[in-house]
Amino acid sequence: MTKYAFHKSSYSTTNGNCVEVATNIRTTVAVRDSKQPTGPVLRLTPTAWTRFLSGLS
């Protein structure tokens, strides 16, 4: 089982709407809801993650 090292995203808000991101696996960016740490994990390629972030602005 892959061990992701999640950290709170800089895009998270202080009102509890938090996203956690793990980038410790070179080929994968893992994203999850901090309110459900045992819930589903979205796994993206680093390229897809970069495209997603650039689409936010």
PDB file of N, CA and C in Angstrom:
ATOM      1  N   MET A   1       0.842  -1.191   0.000  1.00  0.00           N
ATOM      2  CA  MET A   1       0.000   0.000   0.000  1.00  0.00           C
ATOM      3  C   MET A   1       0.881   1.246   0.000  1.00  0.00           C
ATOM      4  N   THR A   2       0.543   2.193  -0.837  1.00  0.00           N
ATOM      5  CA  THR A   2       1.299   3.438  -0.939  1.00  0.00           C
ATOM      6  C   THR A   2       1.059   4.308   0.292  1.00  0.00           C
ATOM      7  N   LYS A   3       2.136   4.861   0.825  1.00  0.00           N
ATOM      8  CA  LYS A   3       2.036   5.753   1.974  1.00  0.00           C
ATOM      9  C   LYS A   3       2.196   7.187   1.521  1.00  0.00           C
ATOM     10  N   TYR A   4       1.102   7.874   1.449  1.00  0.00           N
ATOM     11  CA  TYR A   4       1.142   9.279   1.052  1.00  0.00           C
ATOM     12  C   TYR A   4       1.392  10.146   2.276  1.00  0.00           C
ATOM     13  N   ALA A   5       2.214  11.167   2.111  1.00  0.00           N
ATOM     14  CA  ALA A   5       2.487  12.135   3.178  1.00  0.00           C
ATOM     15  C   ALA A   5       1.664  13.387   2.869  1.00  0.00           C
ATOM     16  N   PHE A   6       0.450  13.431   3.406  1.00  0.00           N
ATOM     17  CA  PHE A   6      -0.468  14.533   3.114  1.00  0.00           C
ATOM     18  C   PHE A   6      -0.110  15.785   3.908  1.00  0.00           C
ATOM     19  N   HIS A   7      -0.321  16.930   3.274  1.00  0.00           N
ATOM     20  CA  HIS A   7      -0.207  18.222   3.949  1.00  0.00           C
ATOM     21  C   HIS A   7      -1.352  19.096   3.460  1.00  0.00           C
ATOM     22  N   LYS A   8      -1.717  20.050   4.276  1.00  0.00           N
ATOM     23  CA  LYS A   8      -2.834  20.934   3.935  1.00  0.00           C
ATOM     24  C   LYS A   8      -2.452  21.821   2.761  1.00  0.00           C
ATOM     25  N   SER A   9      -3.307  21.888   1.793  1.00  0.00           N
ATOM     26  CA  SER A   9      -3.059  22.692   0.609  1.00  0.00           C
ATOM     27  C   SER A   9      -3.102  24.174   0.944  1.00  0.00           C
ATOM     28  N   SER A  10      -2.290  24.951   0.244  1.00  0.00           N
ATOM     29  CA  SER A  10      -2.309  26.401   0.437  1.00  0.00           C
ATOM     30  C   SER A  10      -3.611  26.998  -0.080  1.00  0.00           C
ATOM     31  N   TYR A  11      -4.379  26.227  -0.842  1.00  0.00           N
ATOM     32  CA  TYR A  11      -5.675  26.678  -1.353  1.00  0.00           C
ATOM     33  C   TYR A  11      -6.806  26.430  -0.350  1.00  0.00           C
ATOM     34  N   SER A  12      -6.514  25.790   0.771  1.00  0.00           N
ATOM     35  CA  SER A  12      -7.538  25.502   1.765  1.00  0.00           C
ATOM     36  C   SER A  12      -7.934  26.766   2.501  1.00  0.00           C
ATOM     37  N   THR A  13      -9.157  26.774   3.001  1.00  0.00           N
ATOM     38  CA  THR A  13      -9.635  27.931   3.751  1.00  0.00           C
ATOM     39  C   THR A  13      -9.599  27.630   5.245  1.00  0.00           C
ATOM     40  N   THR A  14      -9.771  28.658   6.051  1.00  0.00           N
ATOM     41  CA  THR A  14      -9.740  28.487   7.502  1.00  0.00           C
ATOM     42  C   THR A  14     -11.092  28.072   8.064  1.00  0.00           C
ATOM     43  N   ASN A  15     -12.139  27.999   7.232  1.00  0.00           N
ATOM     44  CA  ASN A  15     -13.463  27.653   7.740  1.00  0.00           C
ATOM     45  C   ASN A  15     -13.755  26.158   7.691  1.00  0.00           C
ATOM     46  N   GLY A  16     -12.738  25.343   7.526  1.00  0.00           N
ATOM     47  CA  GLY A  16     -12.933  23.897   7.550  1.00  0.00           C
ATOM     48  C   GLY A  16     -13.033  23.239   6.196  1.00  0.00           C
ATOM     49  N   ASN A  17     -13.066  24.023   5.125  1.00  0.00           N
ATOM     50  CA  ASN A  17     -13.079  23.466   3.772  1.00  0.00           C
ATOM     51  C   ASN A  17     -11.642  23.227   3.344  1.00  0.00           C
ATOM     52  N   CYS A  18     -11.103  22.092   3.744  1.00  0.00           N
ATOM     53  CA  CYS A  18      -9.682  21.843   3.551  1.00  0.00           C
ATOM     54  C   CYS A  18      -9.426  20.698   2.586  1.00  0.00           C
ATOM     55  N   VAL A  19      -8.412  20.899   1.793  1.00  0.00           N
ATOM     56  CA  VAL A  19      -7.934  19.875   0.880  1.00  0.00           C
ATOM     57  C   VAL A  19      -6.520  19.529   1.314  1.00  0.00           C
ATOM     58  N   GLU A  20      -6.210  18.251   1.359  1.00  0.00           N
ATOM     59  CA  GLU A  20      -4.856  17.809   1.674  1.00  0.00           C
ATOM     60  C   GLU A  20      -4.244  17.207   0.417  1.00  0.00           C
ATOM     61  N   VAL A  21      -2.964  17.491   0.230  1.00  0.00           N
ATOM     62  CA  VAL A  21      -2.255  17.058  -0.966  1.00  0.00           C
ATOM     63  C   VAL A  21      -0.990  16.314  -0.546  1.00  0.00           C
ATOM     64  N   ALA A  22      -0.683  15.238  -1.270  1.00  0.00           N
ATOM     65  CA  ALA A  22       0.559  14.493  -1.044  1.00  0.00           C
ATOM     66  C   ALA A  22       1.342  14.464  -2.344  1.00  0.00           C
ATOM     67  N   THR A  23       2.600  14.875  -2.264  1.00  0.00           N
ATOM     68  CA  THR A  23       3.458  14.891  -3.449  1.00  0.00           C
ATOM     69  C   THR A  23       4.742  14.089  -3.219  1.00  0.00           C
ATOM     70  N   ASN A  24       4.733  13.221  -2.209  1.00  0.00           N
ATOM     71  CA  ASN A  24       5.944  12.472  -1.895  1.00  0.00           C
ATOM     72  C   ASN A  24       6.195  11.287  -2.821  1.00  0.00           C
ATOM     73  N   ILE A  25       5.222  10.922  -3.659  1.00  0.00           N
ATOM     74  CA  ILE A  25       5.403   9.869  -4.651  1.00  0.00           C
ATOM     75  C   ILE A  25       5.624  10.581  -5.989  1.00  0.00           C
ATOM     76  N   ARG A  26       6.756  10.373  -6.594  1.00  0.00           N
ATOM     77  CA  ARG A  26       7.176  11.149  -7.770  1.00  0.00           C
ATOM     78  C   ARG A  26       6.165  11.131  -8.912  1.00  0.00           C
ATOM     79  N   THR A  27       5.478  10.045  -9.118  1.00  0.00           N
ATOM     80  CA  THR A  27       4.590   9.912 -10.276  1.00  0.00           C
ATOM     81  C   THR A  27       3.122  10.220  -9.974  1.00  0.00           C
ATOM     82  N   THR A  28       2.827  10.594  -8.733  1.00  0.00           N
ATOM     83  CA  THR A  28       1.434  10.782  -8.330  1.00  0.00           C
ATOM     84  C   THR A  28       1.276  11.988  -7.417  1.00  0.00           C
ATOM     85  N   VAL A  29       0.211  12.739  -7.637  1.00  0.00           N
ATOM     86  CA  VAL A  29      -0.235  13.762  -6.686  1.00  0.00           C
ATOM     87  C   VAL A  29      -1.556  13.235  -6.136  1.00  0.00           C
ATOM     88  N   ALA A  30      -1.610  13.019  -4.833  1.00  0.00           N
ATOM     89  CA  ALA A  30      -2.808  12.494  -4.188  1.00  0.00           C
ATOM     90  C   ALA A  30      -3.524  13.636  -3.473  1.00  0.00           C
ATOM     91  N   VAL A  31      -4.854  13.653  -3.587  1.00  0.00           N
ATOM     92  CA  VAL A  31      -5.670  14.725  -3.013  1.00  0.00           C
ATOM     93  C   VAL A  31      -6.812  14.089  -2.233  1.00  0.00           C
ATOM     94  N   ARG A  32      -7.097  14.635  -1.046  1.00  0.00           N
ATOM     95  CA  ARG A  32      -8.219  14.134  -0.248  1.00  0.00           C
ATOM     96  C   ARG A  32      -8.843  15.265   0.560  1.00  0.00           C
ATOM     97  N   ASP A  33     -10.033  14.999   1.058  1.00  0.00           N
ATOM     98  CA  ASP A  33     -10.749  15.926   1.929  1.00  0.00           C
ATOM     99  C   ASP A  33     -10.235  15.716   3.347  1.00  0.00           C
ATOM    100  N   SER A  34      -9.766  16.767   3.989  1.00  0.00           N
ATOM    101  CA  SER A  34      -9.199  16.624   5.333  1.00  0.00           C
ATOM    102  C   SER A  34     -10.238  16.189   6.359  1.00  0.00           C
ATOM    103  N   LYS A  35     -11.519  16.408   6.065  1.00  0.00           N
ATOM    104  CA  LYS A  35     -12.573  15.990   7.002  1.00  0.00           C
ATOM    105  C   LYS A  35     -12.831  14.487   6.918  1.00  0.00           C
ATOM    106  N   GLN A  36     -12.306  13.840   5.868  1.00  0.00           N
ATOM    107  CA  GLN A  36     -12.481  12.393   5.698  1.00  0.00           C
ATOM    108  C   GLN A  36     -11.127  11.752   5.379  1.00  0.00           C
ATOM    109  N   PRO A  37     -10.202  11.738   6.355  1.00  0.00           N
ATOM    110  CA  PRO A  37      -8.857  11.223   6.085  1.00  0.00           C
ATOM    111  C   PRO A  37      -8.814   9.741   5.689  1.00  0.00           C
ATOM    112  N   THR A  38      -9.844   8.994   6.003  1.00  0.00           N
ATOM    113  CA  THR A  38      -9.876   7.590   5.576  1.00  0.00           C
ATOM    114  C   THR A  38     -10.776   7.386   4.366  1.00  0.00           C
ATOM    115  N   GLY A  39     -11.262   8.488   3.822  1.00  0.00           N
ATOM    116  CA  GLY A  39     -12.147   8.429   2.662  1.00  0.00           C
ATOM    117  C   GLY A  39     -11.375   8.283   1.367  1.00  0.00           C
ATOM    118  N   PRO A  40     -12.045   8.531   0.259  1.00  0.00           N
ATOM    119  CA  PRO A  40     -11.421   8.350  -1.052  1.00  0.00           C
ATOM    120  C   PRO A  40     -10.272   9.331  -1.296  1.00  0.00           C
ATOM    121  N   VAL A  41      -9.337   8.891  -2.116  1.00  0.00           N
ATOM    122  CA  VAL A  41      -8.183   9.696  -2.501  1.00  0.00           C
ATOM    123  C   VAL A  41      -8.188   9.833  -4.016  1.00  0.00           C
ATOM    124  N   LEU A  42      -8.110  11.050  -4.487  1.00  0.00           N
ATOM    125  CA  LEU A  42      -8.007  11.317  -5.911  1.00  0.00           C
ATOM    126  C   LEU A  42      -6.525  11.296  -6.271  1.00  0.00           C
ATOM    127  N   ARG A  43      -6.170  10.490  -7.256  1.00  0.00           N
ATOM    128  CA  ARG A  43      -4.772  10.385  -7.676  1.00  0.00           C
ATOM    129  C   ARG A  43      -4.627  10.949  -9.083  1.00  0.00           C
ATOM    130  N   LEU A  44      -3.706  11.908  -9.217  1.00  0.00           N
ATOM    131  CA  LEU A  44      -3.466  12.579 -10.487  1.00  0.00           C
ATOM    132  C   LEU A  44      -1.997  12.477 -10.869  1.00  0.00           C
ATOM    133  N   THR A  45      -1.724  12.593 -12.152  1.00  0.00           N
ATOM    134  CA  THR A  45      -0.332  12.732 -12.567  1.00  0.00           C
ATOM    135  C   THR A  45       0.107  14.148 -12.216  1.00  0.00           C
ATOM    136  N   PRO A  46       1.398  14.369 -12.047  1.00  0.00           N
ATOM    137  CA  PRO A  46       1.857  15.742 -11.788  1.00  0.00           C
ATOM    138  C   PRO A  46       1.445  16.715 -12.895  1.00  0.00           C
ATOM    139  N   THR A  47       1.419  16.268 -14.143  1.00  0.00           N
ATOM    140  CA  THR A  47       0.995  17.130 -15.248  1.00  0.00           C
ATOM    141  C   THR A  47      -0.473  17.520 -15.103  1.00  0.00           C
ATOM    142  N   ALA A  48      -1.324  16.554 -14.777  1.00  0.00           N
ATOM    143  CA  ALA A  48      -2.751  16.847 -14.590  1.00  0.00           C
ATOM    144  C   ALA A  48      -2.959  17.791 -13.409  1.00  0.00           C
ATOM    145  N   TRP A  49      -2.209  17.617 -12.339  1.00  0.00           N
ATOM    146  CA  TRP A  49      -2.305  18.491 -11.165  1.00  0.00           C
ATOM    147  C   TRP A  49      -1.928  19.926 -11.534  1.00  0.00           C
ATOM    148  N   THR A  50      -0.854  20.076 -12.279  1.00  0.00           N
ATOM    149  CA  THR A  50      -0.414  21.403 -12.702  1.00  0.00           C
ATOM    150  C   THR A  50      -1.472  22.064 -13.578  1.00  0.00           C
ATOM    151  N   ARG A  51      -2.059  21.318 -14.478  1.00  0.00           N
ATOM    152  CA  ARG A  51      -3.121  21.859 -15.330  1.00  0.00           C
ATOM    153  C   ARG A  51      -4.343  22.260 -14.508  1.00  0.00           C
ATOM    154  N   PHE A  52      -4.679  21.441 -13.523  1.00  0.00           N
ATOM    155  CA  PHE A  52      -5.806  21.764 -12.648  1.00  0.00           C
ATOM    156  C   PHE A  52      -5.547  23.071 -11.920  1.00  0.00           C
ATOM    157  N   LEU A  53      -4.366  23.194 -11.319  1.00  0.00           N
ATOM    158  CA  LEU A  53      -4.042  24.417 -10.574  1.00  0.00           C
ATOM    159  C   LEU A  53      -4.027  25.654 -11.463  1.00  0.00           C
ATOM    160  N   SER A  54      -3.517  25.525 -12.679  1.00  0.00           N
ATOM    161  CA  SER A  54      -3.480  26.683 -13.569  1.00  0.00           C
ATOM    162  C   SER A  54      -4.887  27.075 -14.014  1.00  0.00           C
ATOM    163  N   GLY A  55      -5.817  26.151 -13.985  1.00  0.00           N
ATOM    164  CA  GLY A  55      -7.203  26.461 -14.326  1.00  0.00           C
ATOM    165  C   GLY A  55      -7.951  27.171 -13.223  1.00  0.00           C
ATOM    166  N   LEU A  56      -7.389  27.224 -12.024  1.00  0.00           N
ATOM    167  CA  LEU A  56      -8.062  27.890 -10.897  1.00  0.00           C
ATOM    168  C   LEU A  56      -7.964  29.402 -10.974  1.00  0.00           C
ATOM    169  N   SER A  57      -6.952  29.906 -11.624  1.00  0.00           N
ATOM    170  CA  SER A  57      -6.758  31.363 -11.639  1.00  0.00           C
ATOM    171  C   SER A  57      -7.425  32.030 -12.804  1.00  0.00           C
TER     172      SER A  57
END
